[in-house]
Full PDB file with SEQRES, HELIX, SHEET, SSBOND, CRYST1, ORIGX, SCALE, CONECT and MASTER records, all heavy atoms in Angstrom:
SEQRES   1 A   35  LEU SER PHE ALA GLU ILE GLN ARG ARG LEU VAL THR ASP          
SEQRES   2 A   35  LEU GLY GLY ASP LEU SER ARG ALA ASN SER VAL GLU LEU          
SEQRES   3 A   35  THR LEU ALA SER GLY ALA ILE SER MET                          
HELIX    1 AA1 SER A    2  ASP A   13  1                                  12    
HELIX    2 AA2 ARG A   20  SER A   34  1                                  15    
CRYST1    1.000    1.000    1.000  90.00  90.00  90.00 P 1           1          
ORIGX1      1.000000  0.000000  0.000000        0.00000                         
ORIGX2      0.000000  1.000000  0.000000        0.00000                         
ORIGX3      0.000000  0.000000  1.000000        0.00000                         
SCALE1      1.000000  0.000000  0.000000        0.00000                         
SCALE2      0.000000  1.000000  0.000000        0.00000                         
SCALE3      0.000000  0.000000  1.000000        0.00000                         
ATOM      1  N   LEU A   1     190.753  16.969-134.030  1.00  0.00           N  
ATOM      2  CA  LEU A   1     191.889  17.382-134.859  1.00  0.00           C  
ATOM      3  C   LEU A   1     192.851  16.224-135.104  1.00  0.00           C  
ATOM      4  O   LEU A   1     193.388  16.076-136.207  1.00  0.00           O  
ATOM      5  CB  LEU A   1     192.616  18.549-134.184  1.00  0.00           C  
ATOM      6  CG  LEU A   1     191.834  19.863-134.096  1.00  0.00           C  
ATOM      7  CD1 LEU A   1     192.630  20.908-133.312  1.00  0.00           C  
ATOM      8  CD2 LEU A   1     191.495  20.394-135.481  1.00  0.00           C  
ATOM      9  N   SER A   2     193.069  15.395-134.084  1.00  0.00           N  
ATOM     10  CA  SER A   2     193.984  14.257-134.248  1.00  0.00           C  
ATOM     11  C   SER A   2     193.422  13.246-135.235  1.00  0.00           C  
ATOM     12  O   SER A   2     194.138  12.742-136.116  1.00  0.00           O  
ATOM     13  CB  SER A   2     194.231  13.590-132.891  1.00  0.00           C  
ATOM     14  OG  SER A   2     194.820  14.493-131.991  1.00  0.00           O  
ATOM     15  N   PHE A   3     192.126  12.937-135.113  1.00  0.00           N  
ATOM     16  CA  PHE A   3     191.509  11.983-136.045  1.00  0.00           C  
ATOM     17  C   PHE A   3     191.541  12.524-137.465  1.00  0.00           C  
ATOM     18  O   PHE A   3     191.808  11.785-138.417  1.00  0.00           O  
ATOM     19  CB  PHE A   3     190.074  11.696-135.617  1.00  0.00           C  
ATOM     20  CG  PHE A   3     189.408  10.629-136.443  1.00  0.00           C  
ATOM     21  CD1 PHE A   3     189.588   9.291-136.150  1.00  0.00           C  
ATOM     22  CD2 PHE A   3     188.609  10.970-137.518  1.00  0.00           C  
ATOM     23  CE1 PHE A   3     188.980   8.307-136.915  1.00  0.00           C  
ATOM     24  CE2 PHE A   3     187.999   9.995-138.294  1.00  0.00           C  
ATOM     25  CZ  PHE A   3     188.187   8.665-137.989  1.00  0.00           C  
ATOM     26  N   ALA A   4     191.261  13.820-137.619  1.00  0.00           N  
ATOM     27  CA  ALA A   4     191.291  14.430-138.949  1.00  0.00           C  
ATOM     28  C   ALA A   4     192.691  14.384-139.553  1.00  0.00           C  
ATOM     29  O   ALA A   4     192.859  14.149-140.754  1.00  0.00           O  
ATOM     30  CB  ALA A   4     190.791  15.870-138.869  1.00  0.00           C  
ATOM     31  N   GLU A   5     193.721  14.601-138.723  1.00  0.00           N  
ATOM     32  CA  GLU A   5     195.093  14.564-139.229  1.00  0.00           C  
ATOM     33  C   GLU A   5     195.498  13.151-139.632  1.00  0.00           C  
ATOM     34  O   GLU A   5     196.161  12.951-140.655  1.00  0.00           O  
ATOM     35  CB  GLU A   5     196.054  15.105-138.165  1.00  0.00           C  
ATOM     36  CG  GLU A   5     197.520  15.108-138.580  1.00  0.00           C  
ATOM     37  CD  GLU A   5     197.805  16.017-139.768  1.00  0.00           C  
ATOM     38  OE1 GLU A   5     196.947  16.873-140.080  1.00  0.00           O  
ATOM     39  OE2 GLU A   5     198.876  15.876-140.387  1.00  0.00           O  
ATOM     40  N   ILE A   6     195.090  12.151-138.844  1.00  0.00           N  
ATOM     41  CA  ILE A   6     195.372  10.762-139.216  1.00  0.00           C  
ATOM     42  C   ILE A   6     194.705  10.428-140.541  1.00  0.00           C  
ATOM     43  O   ILE A   6     195.302   9.821-141.439  1.00  0.00           O  
ATOM     44  CB  ILE A   6     194.888   9.808-138.105  1.00  0.00           C  
ATOM     45  CG1 ILE A   6     195.783   9.937-136.874  1.00  0.00           C  
ATOM     46  CG2 ILE A   6     194.877   8.369-138.591  1.00  0.00           C  
ATOM     47  CD1 ILE A   6     195.278   9.164-135.682  1.00  0.00           C  
ATOM     48  N   GLN A   7     193.444  10.841-140.678  1.00  0.00           N  
ATOM     49  CA  GLN A   7     192.712  10.590-141.920  1.00  0.00           C  
ATOM     50  C   GLN A   7     193.376  11.285-143.106  1.00  0.00           C  
ATOM     51  O   GLN A   7     193.517  10.707-144.190  1.00  0.00           O  
ATOM     52  CB  GLN A   7     191.276  11.078-141.761  1.00  0.00           C  
ATOM     53  CG  GLN A   7     190.389  10.815-142.947  1.00  0.00           C  
ATOM     54  CD  GLN A   7     188.958  11.177-142.647  1.00  0.00           C  
ATOM     55  OE1 GLN A   7     188.073  10.345-142.646  1.00  0.00           O  
ATOM     56  NE2 GLN A   7     188.716  12.451-142.371  1.00  0.00           N  
ATOM     57  N   ARG A   8     193.821  12.529-142.916  1.00  0.00           N  
ATOM     58  CA  ARG A   8     194.461  13.275-143.997  1.00  0.00           C  
ATOM     59  C   ARG A   8     195.763  12.593-144.420  1.00  0.00           C  
ATOM     60  O   ARG A   8     196.058  12.471-145.621  1.00  0.00           O  
ATOM     61  CB  ARG A   8     194.747  14.707-143.553  1.00  0.00           C  
ATOM     62  CG  ARG A   8     195.290  15.608-144.657  1.00  0.00           C  
ATOM     63  CD  ARG A   8     195.810  16.909-144.086  1.00  0.00           C  
ATOM     64  NE  ARG A   8     197.023  16.715-143.306  1.00  0.00           N  
ATOM     65  CZ  ARG A   8     198.227  16.605-143.841  1.00  0.00           C  
ATOM     66  NH1 ARG A   8     198.395  16.672-145.161  1.00  0.00           N  
ATOM     67  NH2 ARG A   8     199.289  16.432-143.076  1.00  0.00           N  
ATOM     68  N   ARG A   9     196.561  12.141-143.455  1.00  0.00           N  
ATOM     69  CA  ARG A   9     197.832  11.499-143.798  1.00  0.00           C  
ATOM     70  C   ARG A   9     197.606  10.176-144.515  1.00  0.00           C  
ATOM     71  O   ARG A   9     198.349   9.829-145.442  1.00  0.00           O  
ATOM     72  CB  ARG A   9     198.660  11.289-142.535  1.00  0.00           C  
ATOM     73  CG  ARG A   9     199.167  12.583-141.920  1.00  0.00           C  
ATOM     74  CD  ARG A   9     200.212  12.333-140.875  1.00  0.00           C  
ATOM     75  NE  ARG A   9     200.731  13.575-140.317  1.00  0.00           N  
ATOM     76  CZ  ARG A   9     201.771  13.635-139.499  1.00  0.00           C  
ATOM     77  NH1 ARG A   9     202.406  12.528-139.136  1.00  0.00           N  
ATOM     78  NH2 ARG A   9     202.189  14.801-139.027  1.00  0.00           N  
ATOM     79  N   LEU A  10     196.603   9.419-144.091  1.00  0.00           N  
ATOM     80  CA  LEU A  10     196.302   8.173-144.792  1.00  0.00           C  
ATOM     81  C   LEU A  10     195.912   8.446-146.240  1.00  0.00           C  
ATOM     82  O   LEU A  10     196.408   7.789-147.169  1.00  0.00           O  
ATOM     83  CB  LEU A  10     195.167   7.437-144.069  1.00  0.00           C  
ATOM     84  CG  LEU A  10     195.530   6.696-142.787  1.00  0.00           C  
ATOM     85  CD1 LEU A  10     194.272   6.243-142.063  1.00  0.00           C  
ATOM     86  CD2 LEU A  10     196.413   5.490-143.091  1.00  0.00           C  
ATOM     87  N   VAL A  11     195.025   9.417-146.446  1.00  0.00           N  
ATOM     88  CA  VAL A  11     194.582   9.739-147.799  1.00  0.00           C  
ATOM     89  C   VAL A  11     195.751  10.236-148.644  1.00  0.00           C  
ATOM     90  O   VAL A  11     195.921   9.843-149.802  1.00  0.00           O  
ATOM     91  CB  VAL A  11     193.455  10.794-147.752  1.00  0.00           C  
ATOM     92  CG1 VAL A  11     193.125  11.306-149.148  1.00  0.00           C  
ATOM     93  CG2 VAL A  11     192.210  10.211-147.103  1.00  0.00           C  
ATOM     94  N   THR A  12     196.582  11.096-148.066  1.00  0.00           N  
ATOM     95  CA  THR A  12     197.725  11.643-148.806  1.00  0.00           C  
ATOM     96  C   THR A  12     198.724  10.549-149.165  1.00  0.00           C  
ATOM     97  O   THR A  12     199.226  10.485-150.292  1.00  0.00           O  
ATOM     98  CB  THR A  12     198.411  12.741-147.981  1.00  0.00           C  
ATOM     99  OG1 THR A  12     197.459  13.768-147.671  1.00  0.00           O  
ATOM    100  CG2 THR A  12     199.552  13.358-148.759  1.00  0.00           C  
ATOM    101  N   ASP A  13     199.028   9.673-148.209  1.00  0.00           N  
ATOM    102  CA  ASP A  13     199.987   8.597-148.477  1.00  0.00           C  
ATOM    103  C   ASP A  13     199.465   7.608-149.507  1.00  0.00           C  
ATOM    104  O   ASP A  13     200.257   6.949-150.199  1.00  0.00           O  
ATOM    105  CB  ASP A  13     200.329   7.855-147.184  1.00  0.00           C  
ATOM    106  CG  ASP A  13     201.165   8.711-146.236  1.00  0.00           C  
ATOM    107  OD1 ASP A  13     201.717   9.723-146.706  1.00  0.00           O  
ATOM    108  OD2 ASP A  13     201.243   8.371-145.043  1.00  0.00           O  
ATOM    109  N   LEU A  14     198.157   7.477-149.619  1.00  0.00           N  
ATOM    110  CA  LEU A  14     197.567   6.564-150.585  1.00  0.00           C  
ATOM    111  C   LEU A  14     197.371   7.209-151.953  1.00  0.00           C  
ATOM    112  O   LEU A  14     196.842   6.572-152.871  1.00  0.00           O  
ATOM    113  CB  LEU A  14     196.222   6.042-150.070  1.00  0.00           C  
ATOM    114  CG  LEU A  14     196.312   5.079-148.883  1.00  0.00           C  
ATOM    115  CD1 LEU A  14     194.932   4.828-148.288  1.00  0.00           C  
ATOM    116  CD2 LEU A  14     196.956   3.763-149.293  1.00  0.00           C  
ATOM    117  N   GLY A  15     197.783   8.475-152.091  1.00  0.00           N  
ATOM    118  CA  GLY A  15     197.728   9.128-153.388  1.00  0.00           C  
ATOM    119  C   GLY A  15     196.612  10.122-153.574  1.00  0.00           C  
ATOM    120  O   GLY A  15     196.431  10.649-154.678  1.00  0.00           O  
ATOM    121  N   GLY A  16     195.840  10.411-152.532  1.00  0.00           N  
ATOM    122  CA  GLY A  16     194.752  11.373-152.640  1.00  0.00           C  
ATOM    123  C   GLY A  16     195.190  12.777-152.287  1.00  0.00           C  
ATOM    124  O   GLY A  16     196.339  13.013-151.890  1.00  0.00           O  
ATOM    125  N   ASP A  17     194.279  13.720-152.430  1.00  0.00           N  
ATOM    126  CA  ASP A  17     194.549  15.127-152.145  1.00  0.00           C  
ATOM    127  C   ASP A  17     193.491  15.624-151.169  1.00  0.00           C  
ATOM    128  O   ASP A  17     192.329  15.833-151.540  1.00  0.00           O  
ATOM    129  CB  ASP A  17     194.511  15.951-153.436  1.00  0.00           C  
ATOM    130  CG  ASP A  17     194.860  17.416-153.189  1.00  0.00           C  
ATOM    131  OD1 ASP A  17     195.403  17.719-152.112  1.00  0.00           O  
ATOM    132  OD2 ASP A  17     194.582  18.260-154.068  1.00  0.00           O  
ATOM    133  N   LEU A  18     193.876  15.778-149.915  1.00  0.00           N  
ATOM    134  CA  LEU A  18     192.948  16.199-148.868  1.00  0.00           C  
ATOM    135  C   LEU A  18     193.659  17.185-147.950  1.00  0.00           C  
ATOM    136  O   LEU A  18     194.667  16.848-147.331  1.00  0.00           O  
ATOM    137  CB  LEU A  18     192.465  14.990-148.054  1.00  0.00           C  
ATOM    138  CG  LEU A  18     191.419  15.261-146.962  1.00  0.00           C  
ATOM    139  CD1 LEU A  18     190.126  15.786-147.577  1.00  0.00           C  
ATOM    140  CD2 LEU A  18     191.153  13.998-146.147  1.00  0.00           C  
ATOM    141  N   SER A  19     193.136  18.403-147.875  1.00  0.00           N  
ATOM    142  CA  SER A  19     193.743  19.427-147.031  1.00  0.00           C  
ATOM    143  C   SER A  19     193.327  19.238-145.578  1.00  0.00           C  
ATOM    144  O   SER A  19     192.382  18.503-145.271  1.00  0.00           O  
ATOM    145  CB  SER A  19     193.333  20.823-147.509  1.00  0.00           C  
ATOM    146  OG  SER A  19     191.938  21.009-147.336  1.00  0.00           O  
ATOM    147  N   ARG A  20     194.030  19.923-144.670  1.00  0.00           N  
ATOM    148  CA  ARG A  20     193.698  19.820-143.250  1.00  0.00           C  
ATOM    149  C   ARG A  20     192.297  20.354-142.973  1.00  0.00           C  
ATOM    150  O   ARG A  20     191.530  19.760-142.203  1.00  0.00           O  
ATOM    151  CB  ARG A  20     194.728  20.586-142.419  1.00  0.00           C  
ATOM    152  CG  ARG A  20     196.060  19.880-142.271  1.00  0.00           C  
ATOM    153  CD  ARG A  20     196.979  20.594-141.297  1.00  0.00           C  
ATOM    154  NE  ARG A  20     198.164  19.806-141.012  1.00  0.00           N  
ATOM    155  CZ  ARG A  20     199.270  19.840-141.741  1.00  0.00           C  
ATOM    156  NH1 ARG A  20     199.322  20.627-142.823  1.00  0.00           N  
ATOM    157  NH2 ARG A  20     200.304  19.090-141.419  1.00  0.00           N  
ATOM    158  N   ALA A  21     191.953  21.490-143.592  1.00  0.00           N  
ATOM    159  CA  ALA A  21     190.632  22.073-143.363  1.00  0.00           C  
ATOM    160  C   ALA A  21     189.520  21.138-143.850  1.00  0.00           C  
ATOM    161  O   ALA A  21     188.516  20.929-143.157  1.00  0.00           O  
ATOM    162  CB  ALA A  21     190.529  23.431-144.056  1.00  0.00           C  
ATOM    163  N   ASN A  22     189.702  20.565-145.018  1.00  0.00           N  
ATOM    164  CA  ASN A  22     188.692  19.637-145.541  1.00  0.00           C  
ATOM    165  C   ASN A  22     188.607  18.366-144.720  1.00  0.00           C  
ATOM    166  O   ASN A  22     187.526  17.787-144.565  1.00  0.00           O  
ATOM    167  CB  ASN A  22     189.009  19.291-147.001  1.00  0.00           C  
ATOM    168  CG  ASN A  22     188.739  20.441-147.942  1.00  0.00           C  
ATOM    169  OD1 ASN A  22     187.935  21.326-147.644  1.00  0.00           O  
ATOM    170  ND2 ASN A  22     189.417  20.446-149.075  1.00  0.00           N  
ATOM    171  N   SER A  23     189.731  17.925-144.178  1.00  0.00           N  
ATOM    172  CA  SER A  23     189.711  16.729-143.343  1.00  0.00           C  
ATOM    173  C   SER A  23     188.963  16.977-142.045  1.00  0.00           C  
ATOM    174  O   SER A  23     188.185  16.130-141.579  1.00  0.00           O  
ATOM    175  CB  SER A  23     191.143  16.268-143.051  1.00  0.00           C  
ATOM    176  OG  SER A  23     191.142  15.064-142.324  1.00  0.00           O  
ATOM    177  N   VAL A  24     189.178  18.152-141.432  1.00  0.00           N  
ATOM    178  CA  VAL A  24     188.437  18.499-140.212  1.00  0.00           C  
ATOM    179  C   VAL A  24     186.949  18.617-140.520  1.00  0.00           C  
ATOM    180  O   VAL A  24     186.093  18.129-139.770  1.00  0.00           O  
ATOM    181  CB  VAL A  24     188.982  19.812-139.615  1.00  0.00           C  
ATOM    182  CG1 VAL A  24     188.091  20.280-138.466  1.00  0.00           C  
ATOM    183  CG2 VAL A  24     190.408  19.617-139.128  1.00  0.00           C  
ATOM    184  N   GLU A  25     186.620  19.263-141.644  1.00  0.00           N  
ATOM    185  CA  GLU A  25     185.221  19.394-142.035  1.00  0.00           C  
ATOM    186  C   GLU A  25     184.579  18.033-142.245  1.00  0.00           C  
ATOM    187  O   GLU A  25     183.449  17.780-141.800  1.00  0.00           O  
ATOM    188  CB  GLU A  25     185.131  20.222-143.319  1.00  0.00           C  
ATOM    189  CG  GLU A  25     183.722  20.345-143.874  1.00  0.00           C  
ATOM    190  CD  GLU A  25     183.707  20.913-145.271  1.00  0.00           C  
ATOM    191  OE1 GLU A  25     184.762  21.380-145.746  1.00  0.00           O  
ATOM    192  OE2 GLU A  25     182.634  20.871-145.905  1.00  0.00           O  
ATOM    193  N   LEU A  26     185.296  17.134-142.915  1.00  0.00           N  
ATOM    194  CA  LEU A  26     184.783  15.784-143.158  1.00  0.00           C  
ATOM    195  C   LEU A  26     184.585  15.036-141.845  1.00  0.00           C  
ATOM    196  O   LEU A  26     183.572  14.342-141.660  1.00  0.00           O  
ATOM    197  CB  LEU A  26     185.747  15.028-144.064  1.00  0.00           C  
ATOM    198  CG  LEU A  26     185.456  13.547-144.315  1.00  0.00           C  
ATOM    199  CD1 LEU A  26     184.075  13.371-144.911  1.00  0.00           C  
ATOM    200  CD2 LEU A  26     186.516  12.940-145.228  1.00  0.00           C  
ATOM    201  N   THR A  27     185.511  15.159-140.915  1.00  0.00           N  
ATOM    202  CA  THR A  27     185.392  14.475-139.632  1.00  0.00           C  
ATOM    203  C   THR A  27     184.175  14.972-138.857  1.00  0.00           C  
ATOM    204  O   THR A  27     183.401  14.172-138.307  1.00  0.00           O  
ATOM    205  CB  THR A  27     186.666  14.700-138.799  1.00  0.00           C  
ATOM    206  OG1 THR A  27     187.790  14.185-139.517  1.00  0.00           O  
ATOM    207  CG2 THR A  27     186.572  14.005-137.458  1.00  0.00           C  
ATOM    208  N   LEU A  28     183.979  16.292-138.802  1.00  0.00           N  
ATOM    209  CA  LEU A  28     182.840  16.854-138.080  1.00  0.00           C  
ATOM    210  C   LEU A  28     181.519  16.468-138.741  1.00  0.00           C  
ATOM    211  O   LEU A  28     180.547  16.102-138.061  1.00  0.00           O  
ATOM    212  CB  LEU A  28     182.976  18.372-138.004  1.00  0.00           C  
ATOM    213  CG  LEU A  28     184.123  18.907-137.138  1.00  0.00           C  
ATOM    214  CD1 LEU A  28     184.225  20.420-137.266  1.00  0.00           C  
ATOM    215  CD2 LEU A  28     183.922  18.524-135.678  1.00  0.00           C  
ATOM    216  N   ALA A  29     181.471  16.546-140.074  1.00  0.00           N  
ATOM    217  CA  ALA A  29     180.223  16.251-140.783  1.00  0.00           C  
ATOM    218  C   ALA A  29     179.837  14.784-140.649  1.00  0.00           C  
ATOM    219  O   ALA A  29     178.684  14.455-140.341  1.00  0.00           O  
ATOM    220  CB  ALA A  29     180.360  16.635-142.249  1.00  0.00           C  
ATOM    221  N   SER A  30     180.793  13.886-140.867  1.00  0.00           N  
ATOM    222  CA  SER A  30     180.479  12.459-140.756  1.00  0.00           C  
ATOM    223  C   SER A  30     180.123  12.074-139.326  1.00  0.00           C  
ATOM    224  O   SER A  30     179.223  11.247-139.108  1.00  0.00           O  
ATOM    225  CB  SER A  30     181.666  11.624-141.251  1.00  0.00           C  
ATOM    226  OG  SER A  30     182.819  11.870-140.458  1.00  0.00           O  
ATOM    227  N   GLY A  31     180.781  12.693-138.339  1.00  0.00           N  
ATOM    228  CA  GLY A  31     180.426  12.430-136.959  1.00  0.00           C  
ATOM    229  C   GLY A  31     179.030  12.914-136.622  1.00  0.00           C  
ATOM    230  O   GLY A  31     178.270  12.230-135.914  1.00  0.00           O  
ATOM    231  N   ALA A  32     178.656  14.093-137.129  1.00  0.00           N  
ATOM    232  CA  ALA A  32     177.313  14.615-136.879  1.00  0.00           C  
ATOM    233  C   ALA A  32     176.254  13.726-137.518  1.00  0.00           C  
ATOM    234  O   ALA A  32     175.208  13.445-136.916  1.00  0.00           O  
ATOM    235  CB  ALA A  32     177.209  16.039-137.430  1.00  0.00           C  
ATOM    236  N   ILE A  33     176.524  13.244-138.745  1.00  0.00           N  
ATOM    237  CA  ILE A  33     175.574  12.348-139.410  1.00  0.00           C  
ATOM    238  C   ILE A  33     175.435  11.047-138.631  1.00  0.00           C  
ATOM    239  O   ILE A  33     174.325  10.529-138.434  1.00  0.00           O  
ATOM    240  CB  ILE A  33     176.035  12.073-140.855  1.00  0.00           C  
ATOM    241  CG1 ILE A  33     175.941  13.350-141.693  1.00  0.00           C  
ATOM    242  CG2 ILE A  33     175.208  10.963-141.493  1.00  0.00           C  
ATOM    243  CD1 ILE A  33     176.544  13.221-143.075  1.00  0.00           C  
ATOM    244  N   SER A  34     176.551  10.501-138.158  1.00  0.00           N  
ATOM    245  CA  SER A  34     176.517   9.235-137.424  1.00  0.00           C  
ATOM    246  C   SER A  34     175.734   9.347-136.130  1.00  0.00           C  
ATOM    247  O   SER A  34     175.028   8.409-135.738  1.00  0.00           O  
ATOM    248  CB  SER A  34     177.946   8.767-137.130  1.00  0.00           C  
ATOM    249  OG  SER A  34     178.665   8.564-138.322  1.00  0.00           O  
ATOM    250  N   MET A  35     175.828  10.501-135.463  1.00  0.00           N  
ATOM    251  CA  MET A  35     175.158  10.660-134.172  1.00  0.00           C  
ATOM    252  C   MET A  35     173.708  11.111-134.304  1.00  0.00           C  
ATOM    253  O   MET A  35     172.881  10.817-133.436  1.00  0.00           O  
ATOM    254  CB  MET A  35     175.929  11.669-133.314  1.00  0.00           C  
ATOM    255  CG  MET A  35     177.276  11.178-132.830  1.00  0.00           C  
ATOM    256  SD  MET A  35     178.086  12.337-131.716  1.00  0.00           S  
ATOM    257  CE  MET A  35     178.474  13.679-132.852  1.00  0.00           C  
TER     258      MET A  35                                                      
MASTER        0    0    0    2    0    0    0    6  257    1    0    3          
END                                                                             
């Protein structure tokens, strides 16, 4: 959850649109692919 929130804030501050739910989903999916 912490990594997803950091990622969401970075994307938002840089001008993107990323919700908390999508950020958590992205973190879990990319982690599963990496492992």
